[in-house]
C-alpha atoms as a PDB file:
ATOM      1  CA  UNK A   1       1.073   7.306 -11.139  1.00  0.00           C
ATOM      2  CA  UNK A   2      -0.097   5.051  -8.330  1.00  0.00           C
ATOM      3  CA  UNK A   3      -1.945   1.934  -9.449  1.00  0.00           C
ATOM      4  CA  UNK A   4      -5.414   1.293  -8.094  1.00  0.00           C
ATOM      5  CA  UNK A   5      -5.493  -1.491  -5.545  1.00  0.00           C
ATOM      6  CA  UNK A   6      -6.658  -4.550  -7.435  1.00  0.00           C
ATOM      7  CA  UNK A   7      -6.060  -6.829  -4.453  1.00  0.00           C
ATOM      8  CA  UNK A   8      -6.344  -6.343  -0.722  1.00  0.00           C
ATOM      9  CA  UNK A   9      -3.554  -4.205   0.754  1.00  0.00           C
ATOM     10  CA  UNK A  10      -1.283  -6.070   3.192  1.00  0.00           C
ATOM     11  CA  UNK A  11      -0.520  -3.613   6.000  1.00  0.00           C
ATOM     12  CA  UNK A  12       2.539  -5.476   7.312  1.00  0.00           C
ATOM     13  CA  UNK A  13       4.116  -5.736   3.866  1.00  0.00           C
ATOM     14  CA  UNK A  14       3.343  -2.087   3.180  1.00  0.00           C
ATOM     15  CA  UNK A  15       4.903  -0.993   6.458  1.00  0.00           C
ATOM     16  CA  UNK A  16       7.982  -3.127   5.800  1.00  0.00           C
ATOM     17  CA  UNK A  17       8.335  -1.654   2.313  1.00  0.00           C
ATOM     18  CA  UNK A  18       7.952   1.849   3.746  1.00  0.00           C
ATOM     19  CA  UNK A  19      10.710   1.159   6.292  1.00  0.00           C
ATOM     20  CA  UNK A  20      12.950  -0.043   3.458  1.00  0.00           C
ATOM     21  CA  UNK A  21      12.295   3.131   1.481  1.00  0.00           C
ATOM     22  CA  UNK A  22      13.234   5.250   4.498  1.00  0.00           C
ATOM     23  CA  UNK A  23      16.521   3.337   4.908  1.00  0.00           C
ATOM     24  CA  UNK A  24      17.360   3.798   1.242  1.00  0.00           C
ATOM     25  CA  UNK A  25      16.576   7.514   1.359  1.00  0.00           C
ATOM     26  CA  UNK A  26      18.540   8.009   4.581  1.00  0.00           C
ATOM     27  CA  UNK A  27      21.627   6.538   2.935  1.00  0.00           C
ATOM     28  CA  UNK A  28      22.043   9.795   1.005  1.00  0.00           C
ATOM     29  CA  UNK A  29      23.371   7.986  -2.065  1.00  0.00           C
ATOM     30  CA  UNK A  30      20.412   8.750  -4.337  1.00  0.00           C
ATOM     31  CA  UNK A  31      20.165  11.163  -7.204  1.00  0.00           C
ATOM     32  CA  UNK A  32      17.474  13.819  -7.042  1.00  0.00           C
ATOM     33  CA  UNK A  33      15.323  11.891  -9.526  1.00  0.00           C
ATOM     34  CA  UNK A  34      15.623   8.674  -7.527  1.00  0.00           C
ATOM     35  CA  UNK A  35      14.918  10.530  -4.272  1.00  0.00           C
ATOM     36  CA  UNK A  36      11.715  11.927  -5.749  1.00  0.00           C
ATOM     37  CA  UNK A  37      10.711   8.480  -7.015  1.00  0.00           C
ATOM     38  CA  UNK A  38      11.198   6.916  -3.574  1.00  0.00           C
ATOM     39  CA  UNK A  39       9.466   9.858  -1.885  1.00  0.00           C
ATOM     40  CA  UNK A  40       6.438   9.412  -4.152  1.00  0.00           C
ATOM     41  CA  UNK A  41       6.312   5.690  -3.374  1.00  0.00           C
ATOM     42  CA  UNK A  42       6.621   6.440   0.340  1.00  0.00           C
ATOM     43  CA  UNK A  43       3.753   8.908   0.268  1.00  0.00           C
ATOM     44  CA  UNK A  44       1.546   6.403  -1.562  1.00  0.00           C
ATOM     45  CA  UNK A  45       2.397   3.637   0.933  1.00  0.00           C
ATOM     46  CA  UNK A  46       1.771   5.986   3.860  1.00  0.00           C
ATOM     47  CA  UNK A  47      -1.696   6.772   2.522  1.00  0.00           C
ATOM     48  CA  UNK A  48      -2.458   3.076   2.067  1.00  0.00           C
ATOM     49  CA  UNK A  49      -1.263   2.267   5.600  1.00  0.00           C
ATOM     50  CA  UNK A  50      -3.328   5.114   7.051  1.00  0.00           C
ATOM     51  CA  UNK A  51      -6.369   3.919   5.129  1.00  0.00           C
ATOM     52  CA  UNK A  52      -5.914   0.350   6.390  1.00  0.00           C
ATOM     53  CA  UNK A  53      -5.559   1.587   9.989  1.00  0.00           C
ATOM     54  CA  UNK A  54      -8.650   3.745   9.636  1.00  0.00           C
ATOM     55  CA  UNK A  55     -10.660   0.806   8.287  1.00  0.00           C
ATOM     56  CA  UNK A  56      -9.477  -1.369  11.195  1.00  0.00           C
ATOM     57  CA  UNK A  57     -10.441   1.339  13.716  1.00  0.00           C
ATOM     58  CA  UNK A  58     -13.901   1.621  12.156  1.00  0.00           C
ATOM     59  CA  UNK A  59     -14.379  -2.134  12.256  1.00  0.00           C
ATOM     60  CA  UNK A  60     -13.320  -2.244  15.922  1.00  0.00           C
ATOM     61  CA  UNK A  61     -15.730   0.591  16.714  1.00  0.00           C
ATOM     62  CA  UNK A  62     -18.604  -1.245  15.017  1.00  0.00           C
ATOM     63  CA  UNK A  63     -17.806  -4.554  16.707  1.00  0.00           C
ATOM     64  CA  UNK A  64     -17.336  -2.896  20.089  1.00  0.00           C
ATOM     65  CA  UNK A  65     -20.639  -1.065  19.736  1.00  0.00           C
ATOM     66  CA  UNK A  66     -22.477  -4.273  18.898  1.00  0.00           C
ATOM     67  CA  UNK A  67     -21.088  -6.007  21.984  1.00  0.00           C
ATOM     68  CA  UNK A  68     -21.680  -3.040  24.299  1.00  0.00           C
ATOM     69  CA  UNK A  69     -17.968  -2.657  25.019  1.00  0.00           C
ATOM     70  CA  UNK A  70     -18.361   1.090  24.676  1.00  0.00           C
ATOM     71  CA  UNK A  71     -20.002   1.353  28.096  1.00  0.00           C
ATOM     72  CA  UNK A  72     -17.737   1.169  31.103  1.00  0.00           C
ATOM     73  CA  UNK A  73     -18.796  -1.273  33.799  1.00  0.00           C
ATOM     74  CA  UNK A  74     -17.423  -1.542  37.329  1.00  0.00           C
ATOM     75  CA  UNK A  75     -15.394  -4.697  37.972  1.00  0.00           C
ATOM     76  CA  UNK A  76     -18.008  -5.920  40.440  1.00  0.00           C
ATOM     77  CA  UNK A  77     -20.540  -6.211  37.595  1.00  0.00           C
ATOM     78  CA  UNK A  78     -18.281  -8.333  35.379  1.00  0.00           C
END
């Protein structure tokens, strides 16, 4: 079972760990049980990375909206 996040998720560490899992699984030297274990960990990390990216996109959207970056302006007006 995946533990609840008790501390803030580090996207870069999560992505690095996910890359490591892929390398291990691509080696082809795992038993079925180990393959399933790594697959489960990979899925959990993927969900955490997607969640972190989504939160960053939402924050950018909010900050951009507050600063009126959402409206295009001709270069002459800048």
